[in-house]
Protein backbone atom coordinates (compact mmCIF):
# COMPACT_ATOMS: atom_id res chain seq x y z
CA MET A 1 124.30 124.64 -67.65
CA ALA A 2 126.34 126.12 -70.50
CA SER A 3 126.83 129.57 -68.95
CA THR A 4 128.94 131.87 -71.10
CA ALA A 5 131.28 134.76 -70.35
CA LYS A 6 133.91 136.69 -72.24
CA ILE A 7 137.67 137.09 -71.97
CA LYS A 8 138.23 140.67 -73.07
CA ILE A 9 140.99 141.24 -75.62
CA GLU A 10 143.29 144.01 -74.48
CA GLY A 11 145.22 145.91 -77.15
CA GLN A 12 144.04 143.42 -79.82
CA ASN A 13 146.53 140.91 -78.42
CA LEU A 14 145.06 137.42 -77.98
CA VAL A 15 148.18 136.03 -76.33
CA THR A 16 148.67 138.60 -73.56
CA SER A 17 144.90 138.64 -72.91
CA LEU A 18 144.94 134.88 -72.38
CA GLN A 19 147.97 135.22 -70.10
CA GLY A 20 145.98 137.67 -67.98
CA PHE A 21 143.09 135.20 -67.83
CA PHE A 22 145.41 132.37 -66.76
CA LYS A 23 146.91 134.54 -64.02
CA THR A 24 143.41 135.20 -62.71
CA LEU A 25 142.63 131.50 -62.90
CA LEU A 26 145.66 130.60 -60.76
CA GLN A 27 144.48 132.96 -58.06
CA VAL A 28 141.21 131.04 -57.65
CA GLU A 29 141.25 128.95 -54.48
CA GLU A 30 140.13 125.73 -56.22
CA VAL A 31 143.04 125.78 -58.68
CA SER A 32 146.40 124.62 -57.28
CA ALA A 33 148.33 124.59 -60.55
CA LEU A 34 147.91 125.22 -64.26
CA LEU A 35 149.26 123.07 -67.09
CA VAL A 36 149.63 125.19 -70.22
CA ALA A 37 151.84 125.37 -73.32
CA GLN A 38 154.48 128.03 -72.92
CA HIS A 39 157.35 129.57 -74.88
CA LEU A 40 160.56 128.56 -73.13
CA SER A 41 163.92 130.30 -73.12
CA MET A 42 165.23 127.87 -75.72
CA LYS A 43 164.63 129.30 -79.20
CA ASN A 44 161.21 128.36 -80.62
CA ALA A 45 160.50 125.81 -77.88
CA VAL A 46 156.82 125.61 -76.90
CA MET A 47 156.20 122.90 -74.31
CA PRO A 48 153.65 122.03 -71.62
CA THR A 49 154.58 123.66 -68.31
CA LEU A 50 153.14 123.13 -64.84
CA VAL A 51 152.78 126.56 -63.23
CA THR A 52 151.88 127.53 -59.67
CA ASP A 53 153.14 131.14 -59.67
CA PRO A 54 150.97 133.55 -61.73
CA GLU A 55 154.07 135.66 -62.44
CA LYS A 56 155.56 132.72 -64.34
CA LEU A 57 152.89 132.86 -67.05
CA ASP A 58 154.36 135.59 -69.24
CA GLY A 59 155.34 133.00 -71.85
CA ALA A 60 152.04 131.09 -71.86
CA ASP A 61 150.74 130.65 -75.39
CA PRO A 62 148.38 127.71 -76.01
CA LEU A 63 147.45 129.38 -79.31
CA ALA A 64 150.96 128.85 -80.72
CA PRO A 65 150.49 126.79 -83.90
CA VAL A 66 152.85 124.03 -82.85
CA PHE A 67 152.21 120.69 -81.20
CA PRO A 68 155.47 119.05 -80.06
CA ILE A 69 153.81 116.58 -77.69
CA ASN A 70 150.28 115.38 -77.03
CA ALA A 71 149.95 116.66 -73.45
CA ALA A 72 147.43 113.92 -72.59
CA LYS A 73 150.48 111.81 -71.72
CA VAL A 74 151.62 114.52 -69.28
CA VAL A 75 148.19 114.77 -67.64
CA SER A 76 148.12 110.98 -67.39
CA ARG A 77 151.40 111.00 -65.45
CA LEU A 78 150.13 113.76 -63.17
CA THR A 79 146.94 111.90 -62.28
CA ARG A 80 147.93 108.23 -62.03
CA LYS A 81 147.86 108.67 -58.26
CA PRO A 82 145.87 111.15 -56.15
CA ILE A 83 147.36 114.63 -56.00
CA LYS A 84 146.75 117.37 -53.48
CA GLY A 85 144.59 119.99 -55.12
CA LYS A 86 143.03 120.58 -58.52
CA VAL A 87 145.10 121.10 -61.65
CA ALA A 88 143.58 123.09 -64.51
CA VAL A 89 144.92 121.81 -67.83
CA VAL A 90 144.68 123.73 -71.11
CA LEU A 91 144.45 121.22 -73.93
CA ARG A 92 143.68 120.93 -77.64
CA PRO A 93 140.59 118.90 -78.55
CA CYS A 94 142.65 115.85 -79.58
CA GLU A 95 144.56 116.03 -76.29
CA ILE A 96 141.30 115.94 -74.33
CA ARG A 97 140.08 113.00 -76.39
CA ALA A 98 143.36 111.16 -75.80
CA PHE A 99 143.15 111.83 -72.06
CA ILE A 100 139.60 110.47 -71.95
CA GLU A 101 140.87 107.26 -73.57
CA LEU A 102 143.75 107.02 -71.09
CA VAL A 103 141.33 107.43 -68.16
CA LYS A 104 139.21 104.59 -69.54
CA LEU A 105 142.37 102.51 -69.88
CA LYS A 106 143.17 103.17 -66.18
CA GLN A 107 146.20 105.29 -67.06
CA GLY A 108 144.99 108.46 -65.40
CA SER A 109 142.13 110.03 -63.46
CA ALA A 110 139.81 112.92 -64.20
CA GLU A 111 139.04 113.46 -60.50
CA ASP A 112 141.68 116.10 -59.79
CA VAL A 113 141.65 117.78 -63.21
CA ILE A 114 139.75 120.75 -64.60
CA LEU A 115 139.77 120.41 -68.38
CA ILE A 116 140.02 123.66 -70.31
CA GLY A 117 139.64 123.11 -74.04
CA MET A 118 140.32 125.55 -76.85
CA ASP A 119 138.95 125.65 -80.38
CA CYS A 120 141.83 124.37 -82.50
CA LEU A 121 142.67 125.84 -85.90
CA GLY A 122 145.69 123.61 -86.42
CA ALA A 123 149.43 123.47 -85.91
CA TYR A 124 152.55 123.33 -88.07
CA SER A 125 154.89 120.37 -87.88
CA ASN A 126 157.81 120.35 -85.47
CA VAL A 127 160.12 120.75 -88.48
CA ASN A 128 158.30 123.73 -90.00
CA TYR A 129 157.33 125.69 -86.90
CA PRO A 130 160.81 127.08 -86.07
CA SER A 131 161.13 128.52 -89.58
CA PHE A 132 157.61 129.94 -89.40
CA ALA A 133 158.04 131.44 -85.92
CA GLY A 134 161.43 133.03 -86.53
CA ASP A 135 162.76 134.98 -83.56
CA ASP A 136 159.42 136.00 -82.06
CA GLY A 137 157.07 133.17 -81.18
CA THR A 138 154.32 135.42 -79.80
CA ALA A 139 154.31 137.61 -82.91
CA SER A 140 154.07 134.52 -85.12
CA THR A 141 151.06 133.29 -83.13
CA LEU A 142 149.31 136.61 -83.73
CA GLN A 143 150.24 136.45 -87.42
CA PHE A 144 148.69 132.99 -87.64
CA TYR A 145 145.37 134.01 -86.08
CA ASN A 146 145.23 137.35 -87.88
CA SER A 147 145.60 135.49 -91.18
CA ILE A 148 142.69 133.20 -90.28
CA GLN A 149 140.59 136.12 -89.03
CA ALA A 150 141.18 137.92 -92.33
CA GLY A 151 139.98 134.85 -94.27
CA LYS A 152 143.45 134.08 -95.68
CA GLY A 153 143.67 130.65 -94.07
CA THR A 154 146.54 128.81 -92.39
CA ALA A 155 149.02 128.73 -95.29
CA ILE A 156 151.59 131.43 -94.56
CA ASN A 157 155.00 132.02 -96.17
CA GLY A 158 155.05 128.59 -97.76
CA PHE A 159 154.05 126.75 -94.58
CA ASP A 160 150.73 125.14 -93.76
CA VAL A 161 149.30 123.18 -90.85
CA SER A 162 149.90 119.44 -90.71
CA PRO A 163 147.75 116.92 -92.60
CA ALA A 164 146.47 115.61 -89.26
CA CYS A 165 145.04 119.04 -88.46
CA LYS A 166 143.55 119.46 -91.94
CA ALA A 167 141.82 116.08 -91.54
CA CYS A 168 140.59 116.63 -87.97
CA GLU A 169 136.81 116.78 -87.80
CA TYR A 170 136.86 117.68 -84.09
CA PRO A 171 138.19 121.27 -83.92
CA ILE A 172 135.83 122.07 -81.05
CA PRO A 173 136.76 120.39 -77.75
CA GLN A 174 134.54 117.68 -76.32
CA ASN A 175 134.35 116.91 -72.60
CA ALA A 176 135.91 120.22 -71.57
CA ASP A 177 134.77 121.68 -68.25
CA LEU A 178 135.49 125.12 -69.70
CA LEU A 179 135.65 125.88 -73.42
CA ILE A 180 137.57 128.83 -74.85
CA GLY A 181 135.91 129.61 -78.18
CA LEU A 182 137.53 131.28 -81.19
CA VAL A 183 135.54 130.01 -84.19
CA GLY A 184 132.75 132.42 -85.11
CA ILE A 185 133.87 134.86 -82.40
CA ASP A 186 134.99 138.47 -82.89
CA THR A 187 138.44 137.83 -81.47
CA ASN A 188 139.38 141.49 -81.86
CA ASP A 189 137.01 142.14 -78.97
CA HIS A 190 136.83 138.98 -76.86
CA LEU A 191 137.09 135.22 -76.59
CA LEU A 192 134.12 133.09 -75.60
CA LEU A 193 134.34 131.24 -72.28
CA LYS A 194 131.68 128.55 -71.89
CA ALA A 195 130.99 126.21 -68.97
CA ASN A 196 129.98 122.70 -70.02
CA THR A 197 129.96 120.89 -66.67
CA GLU A 198 129.11 121.58 -63.04
CA ALA A 199 132.83 121.94 -62.27
CA GLY A 200 133.19 124.40 -65.14
CA GLU A 201 130.10 126.29 -63.99
CA ALA A 202 131.48 126.68 -60.47
CA LEU A 203 134.86 127.85 -61.74
CA LEU A 204 133.32 130.30 -64.20
CA GLU A 205 131.20 131.79 -61.44
CA SER A 206 134.25 132.28 -59.21
CA LEU A 207 136.07 134.18 -61.99
CA ALA A 208 133.40 136.93 -62.05
CA LEU A 209 133.92 137.69 -65.75
CA PRO A 210 131.49 139.77 -67.81
CA THR A 211 128.72 137.60 -69.26
CA THR A 212 127.92 137.27 -72.93
CA LYS A 213 125.85 135.15 -75.31
CA GLU A 214 127.22 132.64 -77.76
CA PRO A 215 126.88 134.36 -81.16
CA GLU A 216 124.36 132.91 -83.57
CA ASN A 217 126.90 132.66 -86.40
CA ARG A 218 129.21 130.42 -84.36
CA THR A 219 127.29 127.25 -85.25
CA GLY A 220 127.50 128.01 -88.97
CA ALA A 221 131.20 128.83 -88.76
CA ILE A 222 131.90 125.54 -86.97
CA GLU A 223 129.87 123.56 -89.51
CA LYS A 224 131.78 125.15 -92.39
CA LEU A 225 135.15 124.36 -90.80
CA VAL A 226 134.15 120.77 -90.02
CA ALA A 227 132.86 120.25 -93.57
CA GLU A 228 136.19 121.42 -95.02
CA ARG A 229 138.09 119.06 -92.79
CA ILE A 230 135.85 116.09 -93.52
CA ALA A 231 136.32 116.65 -97.25
CA TYR A 232 140.10 116.66 -96.79
CA ARG A 233 139.90 113.61 -94.52
CA ASP A 234 137.84 111.55 -96.96
CA GLN A 235 140.20 112.36 -99.81
CA MET A 236 143.11 111.35 -97.58
CA PHE A 237 141.39 108.04 -96.77
CA ALA A 238 140.87 107.28 -100.46
CA GLU A 239 144.47 108.10 -101.43
CA THR A 240 145.94 106.15 -98.50
CA SER A 241 143.75 103.12 -99.18
CA GLU A 242 145.00 103.06 -102.76
CA ALA A 243 148.63 103.56 -101.71
CA THR A 244 148.48 100.58 -99.29
CA ALA A 245 146.08 98.32 -101.22
CA ASP A 246 148.34 95.23 -101.24
CA LEU A 247 151.42 93.94 -99.48
CA ASN A 248 153.88 95.28 -102.05
CA LYS A 249 152.32 98.74 -101.87
CA LEU A 250 152.33 98.63 -98.07
CA MET A 251 156.01 97.67 -98.00
CA ASN A 252 156.77 100.54 -100.36
CA TYR A 253 154.68 102.95 -98.25
CA LEU A 254 156.67 102.04 -95.13
CA GLY A 255 159.95 101.48 -96.97
CA ASN A 256 161.87 104.29 -95.21
CA CYS A 257 161.10 103.01 -91.70
CA VAL A 258 164.26 102.49 -89.63
CA ASN A 259 162.58 101.02 -86.54
CA CYS A 260 163.33 104.07 -84.42
CA TYR A 261 159.94 103.58 -82.68
CA ASN A 262 159.47 107.34 -82.41
CA CYS A 263 155.84 106.96 -83.50
CA ARG A 264 155.19 104.53 -80.66
CA VAL A 265 156.76 106.86 -78.09
CA ALA A 266 154.88 109.90 -79.41
CA CYS A 267 151.48 108.19 -79.53
CA PRO A 268 149.40 109.42 -76.56
CA VAL A 269 147.28 106.27 -76.28
CA CYS A 270 150.10 103.72 -76.65
CA TYR A 271 150.66 102.97 -72.98
CA CYS A 272 152.15 99.47 -72.51
CA LYS A 273 154.85 99.44 -69.84
CA GLU A 274 156.82 96.95 -71.94
CA CYS A 275 156.51 96.93 -75.71
CA VAL A 276 156.93 93.54 -77.36
CA PHE A 277 159.22 95.15 -79.92
CA LEU A 278 161.66 96.08 -77.15
CA THR A 279 161.89 92.51 -75.87
CA ASP A 280 164.05 89.71 -77.24
CA VAL A 281 161.12 88.38 -79.31
CA PHE A 282 162.53 90.22 -82.32
CA ASP A 283 166.18 89.82 -81.40
CA HIS A 284 166.77 87.25 -84.14
CA GLU A 285 169.77 84.98 -84.39
CA PRO A 286 172.32 86.15 -87.00
CA SER A 287 171.86 82.91 -88.92
CA GLN A 288 168.15 83.69 -89.28
CA TYR A 289 168.93 86.82 -91.29
CA LEU A 290 171.13 84.78 -93.62
CA ARG A 291 168.40 82.19 -94.15
CA TRP A 292 165.89 84.91 -95.00
CA ALA A 293 168.35 86.55 -97.38
CA LYS A 294 169.07 83.25 -99.14
CA ARG A 295 165.36 82.60 -99.60
CA LYS A 296 164.93 85.64 -101.87
CA GLY A 297 168.50 86.63 -102.57
CA ILE A 298 168.02 90.02 -100.89
CA LEU A 299 166.77 91.20 -97.50
CA LYS A 300 165.90 94.76 -96.50
CA MET A 301 167.48 95.77 -93.22
CA PRO A 302 166.32 96.43 -90.60
CA THR A 303 163.67 93.74 -90.75
CA ASP A 304 160.27 93.67 -89.01
CA THR A 305 159.47 97.28 -89.93
CA VAL A 306 156.19 96.49 -91.66
CA PHE A 307 155.25 93.99 -88.94
CA PHE A 308 155.89 96.68 -86.32
CA HIS A 309 153.42 99.08 -87.92
CA VAL A 310 150.81 96.40 -88.61
CA THR A 311 151.03 95.30 -84.97
CA ARG A 312 150.65 98.89 -83.76
CA ILE A 313 147.65 99.38 -86.01
CA ALA A 314 146.06 96.21 -84.63
CA HIS A 315 146.69 97.40 -81.07
CA MET A 316 145.77 101.06 -81.42
CA SER A 317 143.28 101.59 -84.22
CA THR A 318 140.24 101.54 -81.93
CA ALA A 319 141.80 104.20 -79.69
CA CYS A 320 143.49 106.38 -82.35
CA ILE A 321 142.31 109.98 -81.94
CA GLY A 322 144.12 111.27 -85.03
CA CYS A 323 146.42 113.81 -83.37
CA GLY A 324 149.20 113.10 -85.88
CA GLN A 325 152.03 112.92 -83.37
CA CYS A 326 153.21 109.68 -84.99
CA SER A 327 153.95 111.50 -88.25
CA ASN A 328 155.26 114.52 -86.35
CA ALA A 329 157.89 112.31 -84.69
CA CYS A 330 158.96 110.37 -87.78
CA PRO A 331 162.53 111.28 -88.86
CA ASN A 332 161.93 110.02 -92.40
CA ASN A 333 158.63 111.77 -93.09
CA ILE A 334 156.59 108.58 -93.48
CA PRO A 335 152.86 109.44 -93.55
CA VAL A 336 152.13 107.27 -90.51
CA MET A 337 149.12 109.31 -89.41
CA GLU A 338 147.41 108.78 -92.74
CA ILE A 339 147.51 104.98 -92.57
CA PHE A 340 146.56 104.87 -88.89
CA ARG A 341 143.57 107.15 -89.37
CA THR A 342 142.48 105.29 -92.50
CA VAL A 343 142.51 101.88 -90.81
CA ALA A 344 141.07 103.34 -87.61
CA SER A 345 138.10 104.72 -89.54
CA TYR A 346 137.11 101.18 -90.52
CA THR A 347 137.81 99.70 -87.09
CA GLN A 348 135.96 102.36 -85.16
CA LYS A 349 133.00 102.18 -87.53
CA ALA A 350 132.85 98.39 -87.09
CA PHE A 351 132.66 98.77 -83.32
CA ASP A 352 130.46 101.88 -83.50
CA TYR A 353 133.02 103.55 -81.26
CA GLU A 354 134.30 107.12 -81.18
CA PRO A 355 137.47 107.38 -79.07
CA GLY A 356 137.49 110.22 -76.57
CA LYS A 357 133.79 110.97 -76.93
CA SER A 358 132.68 109.90 -73.47
CA LEU A 359 133.98 108.31 -70.29
CA GLU A 360 130.88 106.15 -70.32
CA ASP A 361 131.68 104.42 -73.63
CA GLU A 362 133.57 101.21 -72.94
CA PRO A 363 136.62 100.58 -75.16
CA PRO A 364 136.11 97.84 -77.77
CA LEU A 365 137.42 94.39 -76.80
CA SER A 366 137.23 95.33 -73.10
CA VAL A 367 133.75 93.85 -72.73
CA PHE A 368 131.96 90.80 -74.08
CA ARG A 369 128.46 90.99 -75.51
CA GLU A 370 126.79 87.77 -76.57
CA ASP A 371 124.71 89.31 -79.33
CA GLU A 372 127.28 91.47 -81.13
CA PHE A 373 128.55 90.82 -84.66
CA GLN A 374 125.74 88.38 -85.39
CA GLU A 375 126.35 88.79 -89.12
CA VAL A 376 129.81 87.27 -88.64
CA VAL A 377 128.75 84.62 -86.13
CA ALA A 378 125.86 83.49 -88.33
CA LYS A 379 128.15 82.97 -91.31
CA SER A 380 130.59 80.90 -89.28
CA HIS A 381 127.95 78.27 -88.37
């Protein structure tokens, strides 16, 4: 397995070279459609698009350093029921991991999907990207990758990638049928294309691209990048743990929440058809608010904001893949990602579970094992 080929870079332009590759991909008989991020006619809009006509790929740019939606939710919708033909989907590593979780939660199927993953060097927030991109989204993408290639990093013109990206220890896609590699690759000459599965092998063979070998320095480059991100992540965990160490600190941390529920909507692995917070369970009687206010003399409105986040953490911490869309969607800039990832690190460690790693790993709490958590059971007797 693990055959490798190269996507030649024409005119030192990563974006147009990838567009040419995607056009070739759509002409392969096995591929009925391609899901890929694309610049739209609206200024600075980069959104997932489902394309069947190769001539409609001139705006395709999955390298654009912006992440307005975790496309795992889109792939989930496309695959909840059988579709006619195979859809190739170009996803970031965290999107693939989220999709794997959704498949395990019976919210989608991997049967009709060819997963194409790309090494991810990060993305700016939805707020910062328009200012960074200016009037030419493609040129800004090239500026971003040229800066990284030159060793100058991701901080450009006062903007930097989101904290979620800085803390992501999975920049290389897992579970991709085909992997498009950038880290440790001479991207002035080519991109690495690597088949990781039988489906990826068959597709790679049909593309008839020039073969190549994975460069020896790629492993070292990946290890260096991962080490930097883990260091940032661990510092983030320590700071967030301190900032939310007791109830008063937690209430202060979440004090600007207005119960818009944007974080719930943006979360790729939050899938309930009916959220308890949208039912009448929290539609309190007016007199109840007065009683609460009289108890302490003051009552922050709206209420239930902290309870909302604590409930979401309890529901989602085992499945959190750290994409940061919760923070990206927050209108009041609350560091939601930081607290979710911090709590999730403890939860996932307790269950020895890595979300999105494998379709074979059963989600925690979905199975019962008589012999697990004996250290807790023993103490209770």
